Protein backbone atom coordinates (compact mmCIF):
# COMPACT_ATOMS: atom_id res chain seq x y z
CA UNK A 1 -108.45 0.79 128.26
CA UNK A 2 -106.22 1.38 125.24
CA UNK A 3 -105.26 -1.55 123.05
CA UNK A 4 -101.95 -1.69 121.19
CA UNK A 5 -101.87 -2.96 117.60
CA UNK A 6 -98.76 -3.78 115.57
CA UNK A 7 -98.79 -3.77 111.77
CA UNK A 8 -96.09 -3.84 109.11
CA UNK A 9 -95.67 -1.75 105.99
CA UNK A 10 -93.45 -3.51 103.49
CA UNK A 11 -92.03 -3.24 100.02
CA UNK A 12 -92.90 -6.52 98.28
CA UNK A 13 -90.87 -5.52 95.24
CA UNK A 14 -88.18 -2.89 94.86
CA UNK A 15 -90.05 0.40 94.52
CA UNK A 16 -91.27 3.70 95.89
CA UNK A 17 -94.54 2.71 97.59
CA UNK A 18 -95.15 0.32 100.48
CA UNK A 19 -98.08 -1.96 101.17
CA UNK A 20 -100.97 -0.48 103.20
CA UNK A 21 -102.01 -0.69 106.85
CA UNK A 22 -105.33 0.17 108.48
CA UNK A 23 -105.56 3.14 110.85
CA UNK A 24 -109.28 2.55 111.43
CA UNK A 25 -110.35 3.56 114.95
CA UNK A 26 -106.74 4.36 115.88
CA UNK A 27 -106.20 7.26 118.26
CA UNK A 28 -102.43 7.61 118.11
CA UNK A 29 -99.48 5.88 116.51
CA UNK A 30 -95.79 5.70 115.74
CA UNK A 31 -93.54 4.00 113.22
CA UNK A 32 -90.20 2.29 113.65
CA UNK A 33 -87.82 3.12 110.81
CA UNK A 34 -85.50 0.15 110.21
CA UNK A 35 -81.74 0.58 110.32
CA UNK A 36 -81.46 -0.45 106.65
CA UNK A 37 -83.86 2.22 105.28
CA UNK A 38 -82.02 4.13 102.55
CA UNK A 39 -84.12 7.27 101.96
CA UNK A 40 -83.80 10.50 103.96
CA UNK A 41 -87.50 11.43 103.95
CA UNK A 42 -90.79 9.65 103.38
CA UNK A 43 -94.24 10.92 102.50
CA UNK A 44 -97.56 9.47 103.55
CA UNK A 45 -100.28 8.33 101.16
CA UNK A 46 -103.82 7.75 102.44
CA UNK A 47 -107.14 6.37 101.27
CA UNK A 48 -110.56 5.60 102.75
CA UNK A 49 -110.54 2.04 101.36
CA UNK A 50 -107.77 -0.55 101.21
CA UNK A 51 -107.95 -1.04 97.43
CA UNK A 52 -108.75 2.57 96.51
CA UNK A 53 -106.63 5.37 95.06
CA UNK A 54 -104.03 6.65 97.54
CA UNK A 55 -103.19 10.37 97.62
CA UNK A 56 -100.64 12.50 99.45
CA UNK A 57 -101.49 13.44 103.03
CA UNK A 58 -101.24 17.18 103.60
CA UNK A 59 -100.98 19.14 106.81
CA UNK A 60 -101.92 22.84 107.02
CA UNK A 61 -99.02 23.97 104.82
CA UNK A 62 -97.52 21.12 102.78
CA UNK A 63 -97.39 17.42 102.01
CA UNK A 64 -96.93 15.51 105.27
CA UNK A 65 -93.41 14.06 105.44
CA UNK A 66 -91.05 12.72 108.05
CA UNK A 67 -87.27 12.76 108.14
CA UNK A 68 -85.98 9.21 108.15
CA UNK A 69 -83.66 8.47 111.04
CA UNK A 70 -82.71 4.82 110.65
CA UNK A 71 -83.34 2.67 113.69
CA UNK A 72 -85.64 5.17 115.42
CA UNK A 73 -89.30 5.76 116.25
CA UNK A 74 -91.25 8.62 114.65
CA UNK A 75 -94.74 9.68 115.80
CA UNK A 76 -97.65 9.62 113.36
CA UNK A 77 -99.20 13.10 113.37
CA UNK A 78 -102.90 13.93 113.59
CA UNK A 79 -102.84 14.70 109.84
CA UNK A 80 -101.77 11.12 109.17
CA UNK A 81 -103.94 9.44 111.83
CA UNK A 82 -107.12 11.02 110.42
CA UNK A 83 -107.24 8.52 107.53
CA UNK A 84 -108.49 4.95 107.15
CA UNK A 85 -105.53 3.39 105.33
CA UNK A 86 -101.89 4.42 105.03
CA UNK A 87 -98.92 3.74 102.74
CA UNK A 88 -95.41 5.20 102.69
CA UNK A 89 -93.89 6.73 99.56
CA UNK A 90 -90.14 7.18 99.38
CA UNK A 91 -88.27 9.47 96.97
CA UNK A 92 -86.10 6.59 95.78
CA UNK A 93 -86.71 2.87 95.61
CA UNK A 94 -86.44 0.74 98.72
CA UNK A 95 -85.34 -2.87 98.43
CA UNK A 96 -87.89 -5.66 98.29
CA UNK A 97 -88.48 -7.02 101.77
CA UNK A 98 -87.88 -3.71 103.57
CA UNK A 99 -90.37 -3.30 106.45
CA UNK A 100 -91.53 -0.46 108.70
CA UNK A 101 -93.35 -1.32 111.95
CA UNK A 102 -96.49 0.69 112.76
CA UNK A 103 -97.82 0.74 116.34
CA UNK A 104 -101.28 2.20 116.97
CA UNK A 105 -103.51 2.58 120.01
CA UNK A 106 -107.29 2.10 119.89
CA UNK A 107 -110.02 2.22 122.49
CA UNK A 108 -110.46 4.55 125.33
């Protein structure tokens, strides 16, 4: 049976990079872009440890990115889901307190 997990990425101060969430043992996932998100795209940063150095996630041809459609769900691709920990990086600063909801499924 699949279990659903909800986590939140947030910007604790105004800036380009969010806090991290764990994707450990997750099979699939999606993120809810809030209505007040100001950027038009976001990139994914990943790491194998929570406190490690985060690097851009790449798919077969480029840095993995998603178009931001405020107030909508976007799937997390296999390229993103393959990592242990995830952050979002925006091209311009998001306000402190901005949050993105991440839903993942584990089990099977």
